Structures are given as structure tokens and as C-alpha cells.
Amino acid sequence: QVHLVESGGGLVQPGGSLTLSCAASGNIFSINAMGWYRQAPGKQRELVATITRGGTTNYADSVNGRFTISRDSTRNTVYLQMNSLKPEDTANYYCNANNGMGPGRRIDYWGQGTQVTVSS
């Protein structure tokens, strides 16, 4: 079992910045990749950014160039630096950790979510 705890959400003005953190504990050796997803009211949860154990990153087109995902392996923590925030970035952001396996064998763990609101 893997336990994820997010922090860093809040209210920010358009154009501002926020950094989200996600600390993993438990069976961390089973984790192959971590990432961030978000879900806005009335919308489906969508991928924001991921980072693998090997350091490969992937971003949604909507955040590419504005958001940066990184990790501190010594602290088992993943960060999401969000710059140039837009109102459409407003959502509940969820941390994800998974074993990187294919369909039917993949195991996902989720944090409780942290709210990001971009508004003037």
C-alpha cells in the first residue's frame, strides 16, 4: 500500500504561481511513476503531468511550458511548479502513484486532492 499526501493548493491570481507537493509513504518501492491529475467541476479527471522512476516527464498540452514536474527521491516527494496560471487551471489536483504496469495489472494510488483556484 502507498499513502500519498498533497499540499500547496490555494487561491492565486491569474498569471501567478503555485507549487504543489506530494509525499509518498508505505510500499514506495512498488512505485514506477508519479504524477498529477486534475478535475474541474462537471469535467472528467485529466492528466496534468507525470514523471517516471527514470526521470522521464510527460505533460498535457494545456500546461506544457507553464508547469514543471520534479521529484526529490530522498524525500519520496513529487512537486508540480505551476507558473502563468490561468482561470482554466482551476480544479482539484490529485497526486497519483502507480506501478507502471499495463492494463489489468496496473495499480494506482491517489491522494485526497488539493484545490487550486485561479481568480482575480
N, C-alpha and C. Protein backbone atom coordinates (compact mmCIF):
# COMPACT_ATOMS: atom_id res chain seq x y z
N GLN A 1 0.84 -1.19 0.00
CA GLN A 1 0.00 0.00 0.00
C GLN A 1 0.88 1.24 0.00
N VAL A 2 0.43 2.24 -0.74
CA VAL A 2 1.14 3.52 -0.82
C VAL A 2 0.21 4.62 -0.35
N HIS A 3 0.72 5.50 0.49
CA HIS A 3 -0.06 6.61 1.01
C HIS A 3 0.51 7.90 0.45
N LEU A 4 -0.39 8.75 -0.10
CA LEU A 4 0.03 10.00 -0.72
C LEU A 4 -0.62 11.18 0.00
N VAL A 5 0.19 12.17 0.30
CA VAL A 5 -0.31 13.37 0.97
C VAL A 5 0.10 14.59 0.16
N GLU A 6 -0.91 15.33 -0.31
CA GLU A 6 -0.65 16.53 -1.11
C GLU A 6 -0.72 17.77 -0.24
N SER A 7 -0.05 18.81 -0.72
CA SER A 7 -0.12 20.11 -0.08
C SER A 7 0.23 21.18 -1.11
N GLY A 8 -0.12 22.42 -0.79
CA GLY A 8 0.31 23.54 -1.62
C GLY A 8 -0.78 24.22 -2.43
N GLY A 9 -1.99 23.70 -2.40
CA GLY A 9 -3.05 24.35 -3.16
C GLY A 9 -3.46 25.67 -2.53
N GLY A 10 -4.33 26.39 -3.23
CA GLY A 10 -4.80 27.66 -2.69
C GLY A 10 -5.37 28.54 -3.76
N LEU A 11 -5.55 29.80 -3.40
CA LEU A 11 -6.10 30.81 -4.31
C LEU A 11 -4.97 31.67 -4.84
N VAL A 12 -4.94 31.86 -6.15
CA VAL A 12 -3.90 32.67 -6.77
C VAL A 12 -4.52 33.48 -7.90
N GLN A 13 -3.95 34.63 -8.16
CA GLN A 13 -4.44 35.47 -9.24
C GLN A 13 -3.94 34.96 -10.59
N PRO A 14 -4.65 35.24 -11.66
CA PRO A 14 -4.16 34.86 -12.99
C PRO A 14 -2.76 35.42 -13.23
N GLY A 15 -1.92 34.57 -13.81
CA GLY A 15 -0.54 34.93 -14.03
C GLY A 15 0.38 34.57 -12.88
N GLY A 16 -0.20 34.17 -11.77
CA GLY A 16 0.59 33.83 -10.59
C GLY A 16 1.14 32.42 -10.63
N SER A 17 1.77 32.04 -9.52
CA SER A 17 2.43 30.73 -9.44
C SER A 17 2.04 30.02 -8.14
N LEU A 18 2.07 28.71 -8.21
CA LEU A 18 1.88 27.86 -7.04
C LEU A 18 2.74 26.63 -7.21
N THR A 19 3.13 26.04 -6.09
CA THR A 19 3.85 24.77 -6.13
C THR A 19 3.10 23.76 -5.28
N LEU A 20 2.76 22.64 -5.90
CA LEU A 20 2.12 21.54 -5.20
C LEU A 20 3.18 20.50 -4.82
N SER A 21 2.98 19.88 -3.68
CA SER A 21 3.87 18.81 -3.22
C SER A 21 3.05 17.56 -2.95
N CYS A 22 3.68 16.41 -3.17
CA CYS A 22 3.04 15.12 -2.88
C CYS A 22 4.09 14.21 -2.27
N ALA A 23 3.87 13.87 -1.02
CA ALA A 23 4.80 12.98 -0.31
C ALA A 23 4.24 11.57 -0.27
N ALA A 24 5.07 10.61 -0.66
CA ALA A 24 4.66 9.21 -0.69
C ALA A 24 5.28 8.46 0.49
N SER A 25 4.50 7.54 1.03
CA SER A 25 5.00 6.67 2.09
C SER A 25 4.41 5.28 1.92
N GLY A 26 4.94 4.33 2.66
CA GLY A 26 4.47 2.96 2.54
C GLY A 26 5.36 2.16 1.62
N ASN A 27 4.76 1.38 0.74
CA ASN A 27 5.50 0.49 -0.17
C ASN A 27 5.99 1.26 -1.39
N ILE A 28 6.89 2.23 -1.14
CA ILE A 28 7.33 3.12 -2.20
C ILE A 28 8.14 2.39 -3.26
N PHE A 29 8.69 1.24 -2.93
CA PHE A 29 9.50 0.50 -3.91
C PHE A 29 8.64 -0.07 -5.03
N SER A 30 7.32 -0.09 -4.84
CA SER A 30 6.43 -0.57 -5.89
C SER A 30 6.07 0.52 -6.89
N ILE A 31 6.47 1.77 -6.61
CA ILE A 31 6.10 2.90 -7.46
C ILE A 31 7.04 2.98 -8.66
N ASN A 32 6.47 3.03 -9.86
CA ASN A 32 7.26 3.23 -11.07
C ASN A 32 7.14 4.64 -11.59
N ALA A 33 5.99 5.25 -11.36
CA ALA A 33 5.75 6.60 -11.85
C ALA A 33 4.83 7.35 -10.90
N MET A 34 4.99 8.65 -10.88
CA MET A 34 4.09 9.51 -10.11
C MET A 34 3.65 10.66 -11.00
N GLY A 35 2.56 11.27 -10.62
CA GLY A 35 2.09 12.37 -11.45
C GLY A 35 0.97 13.13 -10.80
N TRP A 36 0.47 14.08 -11.56
CA TRP A 36 -0.63 14.93 -11.11
C TRP A 36 -1.75 14.88 -12.14
N TYR A 37 -2.95 14.77 -11.62
CA TYR A 37 -4.16 14.84 -12.42
C TYR A 37 -5.01 15.95 -11.82
N ARG A 38 -5.98 16.42 -12.60
CA ARG A 38 -6.88 17.43 -12.07
C ARG A 38 -8.30 17.19 -12.56
N GLN A 39 -9.23 17.68 -11.76
CA GLN A 39 -10.63 17.54 -12.11
C GLN A 39 -11.37 18.81 -11.75
N ALA A 40 -11.93 19.44 -12.77
CA ALA A 40 -12.74 20.63 -12.57
C ALA A 40 -14.21 20.23 -12.43
N PRO A 41 -15.02 21.06 -11.81
CA PRO A 41 -16.44 20.72 -11.65
C PRO A 41 -17.10 20.42 -12.99
N GLY A 42 -17.80 19.31 -13.05
CA GLY A 42 -18.50 18.93 -14.25
C GLY A 42 -17.64 18.35 -15.35
N LYS A 43 -16.35 18.16 -15.07
CA LYS A 43 -15.45 17.62 -16.08
C LYS A 43 -14.80 16.33 -15.59
N GLN A 44 -14.27 15.57 -16.53
CA GLN A 44 -13.57 14.35 -16.18
C GLN A 44 -12.18 14.66 -15.65
N ARG A 45 -11.66 13.75 -14.86
CA ARG A 45 -10.30 13.89 -14.37
C ARG A 45 -9.35 13.77 -15.56
N GLU A 46 -8.35 14.65 -15.62
CA GLU A 46 -7.41 14.65 -16.73
C GLU A 46 -5.97 14.67 -16.24
N LEU A 47 -5.12 14.09 -17.05
CA LEU A 47 -3.70 14.07 -16.72
C LEU A 47 -3.11 15.46 -16.86
N VAL A 48 -2.26 15.84 -15.93
CA VAL A 48 -1.55 17.12 -15.98
C VAL A 48 -0.08 16.87 -16.32
N ALA A 49 0.58 16.04 -15.52
CA ALA A 49 2.00 15.76 -15.74
C ALA A 49 2.38 14.49 -15.01
N THR A 50 3.34 13.77 -15.57
CA THR A 50 3.85 12.56 -14.92
C THR A 50 5.36 12.54 -14.98
N ILE A 51 5.95 11.78 -14.06
CA ILE A 51 7.38 11.57 -14.06
C ILE A 51 7.65 10.13 -13.66
N THR A 52 8.51 9.46 -14.41
CA THR A 52 8.80 8.06 -14.12
C THR A 52 9.98 7.95 -13.16
N ARG A 53 10.20 6.72 -12.70
CA ARG A 53 11.34 6.47 -11.81
C ARG A 53 12.63 6.87 -12.49
N GLY A 54 12.68 6.72 -13.83
CA GLY A 54 13.88 7.07 -14.57
C GLY A 54 13.99 8.56 -14.88
N GLY A 55 12.96 9.34 -14.53
CA GLY A 55 13.03 10.78 -14.71
C GLY A 55 12.37 11.29 -15.98
N THR A 56 11.76 10.40 -16.74
CA THR A 56 11.06 10.84 -17.95
C THR A 56 9.77 11.56 -17.58
N THR A 57 9.57 12.72 -18.18
CA THR A 57 8.39 13.52 -17.88
C THR A 57 7.44 13.59 -19.06
N ASN A 58 6.18 13.84 -18.73
CA ASN A 58 5.15 13.97 -19.75
C ASN A 58 4.16 15.02 -19.27
N TYR A 59 3.72 15.88 -20.20
CA TYR A 59 2.82 16.97 -19.83
C TYR A 59 1.61 17.00 -20.76
N ALA A 60 0.50 17.45 -20.22
CA ALA A 60 -0.65 17.75 -21.06
C ALA A 60 -0.31 18.98 -21.90
N ASP A 61 -0.85 19.03 -23.10
CA ASP A 61 -0.57 20.16 -23.98
C ASP A 61 -0.97 21.48 -23.34
N SER A 62 -2.03 21.45 -22.56
CA SER A 62 -2.56 22.68 -21.97
C SER A 62 -1.64 23.30 -20.92
N VAL A 63 -0.71 22.52 -20.40
CA VAL A 63 0.18 23.04 -19.35
C VAL A 63 1.64 23.03 -19.76
N ASN A 64 1.94 22.43 -20.89
CA ASN A 64 3.33 22.34 -21.35
C ASN A 64 3.93 23.73 -21.52
N GLY A 65 5.09 23.90 -20.89
CA GLY A 65 5.74 25.20 -20.94
C GLY A 65 5.41 26.10 -19.77
N ARG A 66 4.36 25.76 -19.03
CA ARG A 66 3.97 26.56 -17.86
C ARG A 66 4.18 25.79 -16.56
N PHE A 67 3.98 24.48 -16.61
CA PHE A 67 4.11 23.64 -15.41
C PHE A 67 5.37 22.80 -15.52
N THR A 68 5.96 22.51 -14.37
CA THR A 68 7.13 21.65 -14.32
C THR A 68 6.97 20.64 -13.21
N ILE A 69 7.10 19.36 -13.55
CA ILE A 69 7.05 18.30 -12.55
C ILE A 69 8.47 17.89 -12.21
N SER A 70 8.72 17.67 -10.94
CA SER A 70 10.05 17.24 -10.50
C SER A 70 9.90 16.34 -9.28
N ARG A 71 10.99 15.75 -8.87
CA ARG A 71 10.91 14.84 -7.73
C ARG A 71 12.17 14.95 -6.89
N ASP A 72 12.01 14.63 -5.62
CA ASP A 72 13.13 14.52 -4.69
C ASP A 72 13.08 13.10 -4.16
N SER A 73 13.90 12.24 -4.72
CA SER A 73 13.87 10.83 -4.35
C SER A 73 14.24 10.60 -2.89
N THR A 74 15.06 11.48 -2.34
CA THR A 74 15.47 11.31 -0.94
C THR A 74 14.30 11.55 0.01
N ARG A 75 13.32 12.34 -0.44
CA ARG A 75 12.15 12.64 0.39
C ARG A 75 10.89 11.93 -0.13
N ASN A 76 11.04 11.12 -1.20
CA ASN A 76 9.89 10.44 -1.79
C ASN A 76 8.77 11.44 -2.10
N THR A 77 9.16 12.56 -2.65
CA THR A 77 8.21 13.66 -2.88
C THR A 77 8.28 14.11 -4.33
N VAL A 78 7.11 14.39 -4.87
CA VAL A 78 6.99 14.93 -6.22
C VAL A 78 6.40 16.33 -6.12
N TYR A 79 6.90 17.21 -6.97
CA TYR A 79 6.44 18.59 -6.96
C TYR A 79 5.84 18.96 -8.31
N LEU A 80 4.93 19.90 -8.29
CA LEU A 80 4.39 20.48 -9.52
C LEU A 80 4.49 21.99 -9.40
N GLN A 81 5.45 22.55 -10.11
CA GLN A 81 5.60 24.01 -10.14
C GLN A 81 4.68 24.53 -11.24
N MET A 82 3.75 25.40 -10.87
CA MET A 82 2.77 25.92 -11.81
C MET A 82 2.97 27.42 -11.96
N ASN A 83 3.32 27.83 -13.16
CA ASN A 83 3.54 29.25 -13.46
C ASN A 83 2.51 29.73 -14.47
N SER A 84 2.38 31.04 -14.58
CA SER A 84 1.46 31.65 -15.55
C SER A 84 0.09 31.01 -15.46
N LEU A 85 -0.41 30.90 -14.26
CA LEU A 85 -1.69 30.23 -14.05
C LEU A 85 -2.83 30.99 -14.70
N LYS A 86 -3.78 30.20 -15.20
CA LYS A 86 -4.96 30.74 -15.88
C LYS A 86 -6.22 30.29 -15.14
N PRO A 87 -7.31 31.04 -15.29
CA PRO A 87 -8.56 30.60 -14.64
C PRO A 87 -8.95 29.18 -15.00
N GLU A 88 -8.64 28.76 -16.21
CA GLU A 88 -9.00 27.40 -16.61
C GLU A 88 -8.15 26.33 -15.94
N ASP A 89 -7.13 26.73 -15.20
CA ASP A 89 -6.36 25.77 -14.41
C ASP A 89 -7.05 25.45 -13.07
N THR A 90 -8.12 26.16 -12.79
CA THR A 90 -8.85 25.93 -11.55
C THR A 90 -9.42 24.51 -11.52
N ALA A 91 -9.08 23.77 -10.48
CA ALA A 91 -9.50 22.37 -10.37
C ALA A 91 -9.02 21.81 -9.05
N ASN A 92 -9.49 20.62 -8.74
CA ASN A 92 -8.93 19.85 -7.64
C ASN A 92 -7.80 19.00 -8.24
N TYR A 93 -6.62 19.16 -7.68
CA TYR A 93 -5.44 18.47 -8.19
C TYR A 93 -5.15 17.24 -7.34
N TYR A 94 -4.98 16.10 -8.01
CA TYR A 94 -4.76 14.83 -7.33
C TYR A 94 -3.38 14.28 -7.67
N CYS A 95 -2.69 13.82 -6.65
CA CYS A 95 -1.43 13.13 -6.84
C CYS A 95 -1.71 11.65 -7.14
N ASN A 96 -0.95 11.12 -8.05
CA ASN A 96 -1.08 9.70 -8.43
C ASN A 96 0.27 9.02 -8.35
N ALA A 97 0.25 7.78 -7.90
CA ALA A 97 1.43 6.91 -7.97
C ALA A 97 0.97 5.58 -8.53
N ASN A 98 1.78 4.98 -9.39
CA ASN A 98 1.38 3.71 -9.97
C ASN A 98 2.59 2.83 -10.22
N ASN A 99 2.28 1.53 -10.48
CA ASN A 99 3.37 0.58 -10.67
C ASN A 99 3.85 0.49 -12.11
N GLY A 100 3.24 1.28 -13.00
CA GLY A 100 3.70 1.32 -14.38
C GLY A 100 3.36 0.11 -15.21
N MET A 101 2.50 -0.75 -14.70
CA MET A 101 2.15 -1.96 -15.44
C MET A 101 1.05 -1.66 -16.45
N GLY A 102 0.83 -2.61 -17.36
CA GLY A 102 -0.18 -2.43 -18.40
C GLY A 102 -1.58 -2.68 -17.89
N PRO A 103 -2.55 -2.54 -18.79
CA PRO A 103 -3.96 -2.75 -18.41
C PRO A 103 -4.17 -4.10 -17.75
N GLY A 104 -4.93 -4.08 -16.69
CA GLY A 104 -5.21 -5.31 -15.96
C GLY A 104 -4.22 -5.62 -14.86
N ARG A 105 -3.06 -4.99 -14.94
CA ARG A 105 -2.03 -5.24 -13.92
C ARG A 105 -1.60 -3.96 -13.23
N ARG A 106 -2.12 -2.84 -13.74
CA ARG A 106 -1.71 -1.56 -13.16
C ARG A 106 -2.41 -1.34 -11.83
N ILE A 107 -1.66 -0.82 -10.89
CA ILE A 107 -2.19 -0.44 -9.58
C ILE A 107 -1.95 1.04 -9.40
N ASP A 108 -3.03 1.76 -9.13
CA ASP A 108 -2.96 3.21 -8.92
C ASP A 108 -3.27 3.55 -7.47
N TYR A 109 -2.56 4.52 -6.99
CA TYR A 109 -2.83 5.10 -5.67
C TYR A 109 -3.09 6.59 -5.87
N TRP A 110 -4.00 7.12 -5.06
CA TRP A 110 -4.41 8.52 -5.21
C TRP A 110 -4.33 9.24 -3.87
N GLY A 111 -3.97 10.51 -3.96
CA GLY A 111 -4.06 11.37 -2.80
C GLY A 111 -5.48 11.89 -2.62
N GLN A 112 -5.67 12.69 -1.60
CA GLN A 112 -7.00 13.17 -1.28
C GLN A 112 -7.40 14.39 -2.12
N GLY A 113 -6.43 14.98 -2.80
CA GLY A 113 -6.70 16.14 -3.64
C GLY A 113 -6.43 17.45 -2.91
N THR A 114 -6.02 18.43 -3.70
CA THR A 114 -5.82 19.77 -3.16
C THR A 114 -6.39 20.78 -4.16
N GLN A 115 -7.13 21.73 -3.68
CA GLN A 115 -7.84 22.66 -4.55
C GLN A 115 -6.92 23.80 -4.99
N VAL A 116 -6.96 24.06 -6.29
CA VAL A 116 -6.26 25.21 -6.86
C VAL A 116 -7.32 26.09 -7.52
N THR A 117 -7.37 27.35 -7.10
CA THR A 117 -8.33 28.28 -7.66
C THR A 117 -7.57 29.49 -8.21
N VAL A 118 -7.79 29.75 -9.49
CA VAL A 118 -7.13 30.88 -10.15
C VAL A 118 -8.21 31.91 -10.46
N SER A 119 -8.15 33.02 -9.74
CA SER A 119 -9.20 34.02 -9.88
C SER A 119 -8.69 35.37 -9.39
N SER A 120 -9.20 36.41 -10.02
CA SER A 120 -8.86 37.77 -9.57
C SER A 120 -9.90 38.27 -8.58
